[in-house]
Amino acid sequence: MFSLMVGFSSCAQCSKAGNEVKADTVLVDSAAVDSTVATGLVVENLISMDRQQMYNQYAKDYRWFESCILLKDFLDEDCDGTVAGVSNIFQVVEESEDGKTFDVHVVMFAHTPDTAAVEVVHSFWVEDLPMENEAIKVTFKEAFEKVMAVNYPKPHSQHVVLRKQLGLIDANPQYIFGNTEAQLYVDAVTGAVTDKNPVFPEDVKLAKPLGEWP
């Protein structure tokens, strides 16, 4: 299951969780698994479910950084948008009892049609801005439909990530479809589609704009 989480999250550079100390794998309770199966891997339902679990445990003291979607098929082949897996990435900062030290943990939820699990890593997340207070208006299904409708070549990839990337320009959260070779960006607020990374000017050249995607 940990390999599955890494597979989902690597589309947005899972190595961004730095200085790993330890990892504890815990199965989500049966109610969460039943809910995952019942939703048929609806991305928004899984995000809401995981955010609720984070709120229940940490109240408002959590940050939502990414949601990674694994498609059943490659975008440039016969792809109907069926979701094979979803991974949601959060971070929490916990203060010690004496108030002198802080612990930072990255919490990674992974969902498949049959299972749900959570990985808690004593680490921190970088390269993204938090999204818990962002007004995300475009659903994953709508973003997929917009990507398939535009006259851009489709990346040979099964990966999509919803993130608010840290860059030179402040941009809305984006659904990013693709890999290191090609990407399509869908603005999660306006629905605008582009093949250019909105957070970096076109004259800035990046070797790997999305990190180590598979």
Protein backbone atom coordinates (compact mmCIF):
# COMPACT_ATOMS: atom_id res chain seq x y z
CA MET A 1 0.00 0.00 0.00
CA PHE A 2 2.91 2.36 0.69
CA SER A 3 4.22 1.68 -2.84
CA LEU A 4 0.76 2.46 -4.14
CA MET A 5 0.77 5.81 -2.35
CA VAL A 6 4.18 6.66 -3.73
CA GLY A 7 2.99 5.68 -7.20
CA PHE A 8 0.02 8.02 -6.99
CA SER A 9 1.92 10.90 -5.42
CA SER A 10 5.05 10.64 -7.55
CA CYS A 11 3.21 12.40 -10.34
CA ALA A 12 3.76 15.55 -8.29
CA GLN A 13 7.18 14.66 -6.88
CA CYS A 14 6.47 12.65 -3.77
CA SER A 15 10.12 13.18 -2.81
CA LYS A 16 9.00 16.66 -1.76
CA ALA A 17 8.34 15.12 1.63
CA GLY A 18 11.86 15.69 2.91
CA ASN A 19 13.95 14.52 5.86
CA GLU A 20 11.94 11.37 6.39
CA VAL A 21 12.40 9.91 9.85
CA LYS A 22 9.86 7.13 10.06
CA ALA A 23 6.65 5.94 8.47
CA ASP A 24 3.70 4.20 10.07
CA THR A 25 1.10 2.49 7.90
CA VAL A 26 -2.41 2.30 9.35
CA LEU A 27 -5.50 0.97 7.65
CA VAL A 28 -8.43 3.34 7.61
CA ASP A 29 -11.43 2.00 9.50
CA SER A 30 -13.95 -0.20 7.70
CA ALA A 31 -16.45 2.65 7.38
CA ALA A 32 -13.94 4.62 5.34
CA VAL A 33 -13.28 1.61 3.11
CA ASP A 34 -17.00 1.07 2.60
CA SER A 35 -17.41 4.76 1.76
CA THR A 36 -14.57 4.54 -0.78
CA VAL A 37 -16.18 1.59 -2.54
CA ALA A 38 -19.62 3.20 -2.45
CA THR A 39 -18.43 6.41 -4.12
CA GLY A 40 -16.88 4.59 -7.08
CA LEU A 41 -13.72 6.69 -6.60
CA VAL A 42 -15.36 10.07 -7.09
CA VAL A 43 -12.44 12.43 -6.57
CA GLU A 44 -14.39 15.17 -4.77
CA ASN A 45 -16.02 12.68 -2.40
CA LEU A 46 -12.64 11.21 -1.45
CA ILE A 47 -11.13 14.65 -0.89
CA SER A 48 -14.06 15.61 1.33
CA MET A 49 -13.85 12.34 3.25
CA ASP A 50 -10.11 12.67 3.89
CA ARG A 51 -10.40 16.34 4.82
CA GLN A 52 -13.14 15.44 7.30
CA GLN A 53 -10.90 12.80 8.83
CA MET A 54 -8.09 15.35 9.11
CA TYR A 55 -10.45 17.86 10.71
CA ASN A 56 -11.74 15.26 13.16
CA GLN A 57 -8.20 14.53 14.32
CA TYR A 58 -6.46 17.91 13.98
CA ALA A 59 -9.33 20.45 13.82
CA LYS A 60 -8.21 23.35 11.62
CA ASP A 61 -4.49 22.73 12.18
CA TYR A 62 -3.87 20.91 8.90
CA ARG A 63 -2.87 21.87 5.37
CA TRP A 64 -4.10 20.23 2.17
CA PHE A 65 -1.38 20.24 -0.46
CA GLU A 66 -2.22 17.81 -3.27
CA SER A 67 -4.66 15.32 -4.69
CA CYS A 68 -3.18 12.84 -7.15
CA ILE A 69 -5.40 10.88 -9.52
CA LEU A 70 -4.39 7.72 -11.34
CA LEU A 71 -6.41 7.08 -14.48
CA LYS A 72 -7.26 3.60 -15.69
CA ASP A 73 -6.04 4.41 -19.22
CA PHE A 74 -3.52 6.70 -20.90
CA LEU A 75 -4.82 10.12 -21.91
CA ASP A 76 -3.71 9.74 -25.53
CA GLU A 77 -5.40 6.36 -25.94
CA ASP A 78 -8.99 5.23 -25.40
CA CYS A 79 -9.45 7.08 -22.10
CA ASP A 80 -12.90 7.75 -20.67
CA GLY A 81 -11.69 9.30 -17.42
CA THR A 82 -12.21 6.24 -15.22
CA VAL A 83 -10.27 6.69 -11.98
CA ALA A 84 -8.13 3.79 -10.76
CA GLY A 85 -6.82 5.46 -7.61
CA VAL A 86 -6.69 8.69 -5.62
CA SER A 87 -4.07 9.90 -3.15
CA ASN A 88 -4.60 13.00 -0.96
CA ILE A 89 -1.64 14.72 0.70
CA PHE A 90 -1.87 16.73 3.94
CA GLN A 91 0.51 18.19 6.51
CA VAL A 92 0.07 18.85 10.21
CA VAL A 93 2.22 20.66 12.78
CA GLU A 94 1.87 19.46 16.36
CA GLU A 95 3.18 21.44 19.32
CA SER A 96 4.82 19.66 22.22
CA GLU A 97 3.23 19.80 25.66
CA ASP A 98 5.79 22.33 26.88
CA GLY A 99 5.27 24.48 23.78
CA LYS A 100 9.00 24.54 23.01
CA THR A 101 9.16 22.16 20.05
CA PHE A 102 7.04 21.22 17.06
CA ASP A 103 6.60 18.02 15.08
CA VAL A 104 5.67 18.11 11.39
CA HIS A 105 3.96 15.14 9.74
CA VAL A 106 2.89 14.46 6.18
CA VAL A 107 -0.33 12.45 6.02
CA MET A 108 -1.01 10.55 2.78
CA PHE A 109 -4.35 8.86 2.11
CA ALA A 110 -4.58 6.31 -0.71
CA HIS A 111 -7.78 4.92 -2.22
CA THR A 112 -8.42 2.17 -4.75
CA PRO A 113 -11.77 0.60 -5.66
CA ASP A 114 -11.14 -2.05 -2.98
CA THR A 115 -9.02 -0.48 -0.24
CA ALA A 116 -8.20 2.68 1.67
CA ALA A 117 -5.11 3.37 3.75
CA VAL A 118 -3.21 6.24 5.32
CA GLU A 119 0.54 6.76 5.68
CA VAL A 120 1.88 9.17 8.32
CA VAL A 121 5.46 10.32 7.74
CA HIS A 122 7.51 12.40 10.16
CA SER A 123 8.51 14.93 7.52
CA PHE A 124 7.43 18.12 5.76
CA TRP A 125 6.01 19.01 2.33
CA VAL A 126 7.51 21.62 -0.02
CA GLU A 127 6.92 23.21 -3.47
CA ASP A 128 3.14 23.59 -2.98
CA LEU A 129 0.90 26.19 -1.36
CA PRO A 130 -2.02 24.97 0.80
CA MET A 131 -5.44 24.62 -0.81
CA GLU A 132 -7.82 24.15 2.13
CA ASN A 133 -9.10 27.73 1.80
CA GLU A 134 -9.13 27.86 -2.00
CA ALA A 135 -12.47 28.18 -3.84
CA ILE A 136 -12.11 25.19 -6.18
CA LYS A 137 -15.10 25.32 -8.54
CA VAL A 138 -14.12 22.84 -11.28
CA THR A 139 -14.57 19.13 -10.56
CA PHE A 140 -12.15 16.51 -11.78
CA LYS A 141 -14.72 15.22 -14.27
CA GLU A 142 -15.20 18.72 -15.67
CA ALA A 143 -11.44 19.21 -15.90
CA PHE A 144 -11.05 15.91 -17.74
CA GLU A 145 -13.79 16.83 -20.20
CA LYS A 146 -12.13 20.20 -20.86
CA VAL A 147 -8.75 18.56 -21.51
CA MET A 148 -10.23 16.04 -23.92
CA ALA A 149 -12.16 18.76 -25.77
CA VAL A 150 -9.26 21.15 -26.45
CA ASN A 151 -7.13 20.88 -29.58
CA TYR A 152 -3.89 20.10 -27.73
CA PRO A 153 -1.96 16.83 -28.08
CA LYS A 154 -2.77 14.63 -25.11
CA PRO A 155 0.19 13.59 -22.93
CA HIS A 156 1.00 9.89 -22.82
CA SER A 157 0.23 9.61 -19.14
CA GLN A 158 -2.27 8.20 -16.66
CA HIS A 159 -1.53 10.84 -14.04
CA VAL A 160 -3.32 13.99 -12.89
CA VAL A 161 -2.52 16.15 -9.89
CA LEU A 162 -4.53 18.93 -8.29
CA ARG A 163 -2.09 21.37 -6.69
CA LYS A 164 -1.33 25.05 -6.13
CA GLN A 165 2.29 25.09 -7.18
CA LEU A 166 4.72 27.52 -5.63
CA GLY A 167 6.21 29.63 -8.43
CA LEU A 168 7.09 33.07 -9.70
CA ILE A 169 3.42 33.95 -10.34
CA ASP A 170 0.55 33.41 -7.93
CA ALA A 171 -1.97 31.26 -9.79
CA ASN A 172 -5.12 29.36 -8.90
CA PRO A 173 -4.90 25.65 -8.09
CA GLN A 174 -4.49 23.62 -11.28
CA TYR A 175 -5.43 20.16 -12.45
CA ILE A 176 -2.21 19.09 -14.19
CA PHE A 177 -2.51 16.25 -16.68
CA GLY A 178 0.71 14.69 -17.93
CA ASN A 179 4.33 13.85 -17.20
CA THR A 180 7.82 15.37 -17.59
CA GLU A 181 7.46 15.42 -21.37
CA ALA A 182 4.12 17.23 -21.71
CA GLN A 183 1.47 18.75 -19.47
CA LEU A 184 -1.99 20.27 -19.82
CA TYR A 185 -3.22 22.63 -17.11
CA VAL A 186 -6.84 23.23 -16.16
CA ASP A 187 -7.51 26.16 -13.81
CA ALA A 188 -9.54 24.70 -10.94
CA VAL A 189 -11.39 28.00 -10.46
CA THR A 190 -11.99 29.36 -13.98
CA GLY A 191 -11.73 26.18 -16.05
CA ALA A 192 -9.22 27.74 -18.47
CA VAL A 193 -6.98 25.21 -20.25
CA THR A 194 -3.38 25.79 -21.31
CA ASP A 195 -0.25 23.83 -22.14
CA LYS A 196 1.90 26.39 -20.28
CA ASN A 197 2.63 26.32 -16.56
CA PRO A 198 0.71 29.33 -15.14
CA VAL A 199 3.11 29.90 -12.23
CA PHE A 200 6.19 30.47 -14.40
CA PRO A 201 6.62 33.02 -17.22
CA GLU A 202 7.22 31.53 -20.66
CA ASP A 203 10.76 32.90 -20.78
CA VAL A 204 11.74 30.88 -17.69
CA LYS A 205 13.02 27.46 -18.73
CA LEU A 206 12.59 24.58 -16.32
CA ALA A 207 14.17 21.19 -16.85
CA LYS A 208 11.45 19.36 -14.93
CA PRO A 209 8.51 21.64 -14.17
CA LEU A 210 6.48 18.99 -12.38
CA GLY A 211 9.23 17.09 -10.62
CA GLU A 212 9.96 13.42 -11.09
CA TRP A 213 6.77 12.21 -12.77
CA PRO A 214 6.66 8.60 -13.96
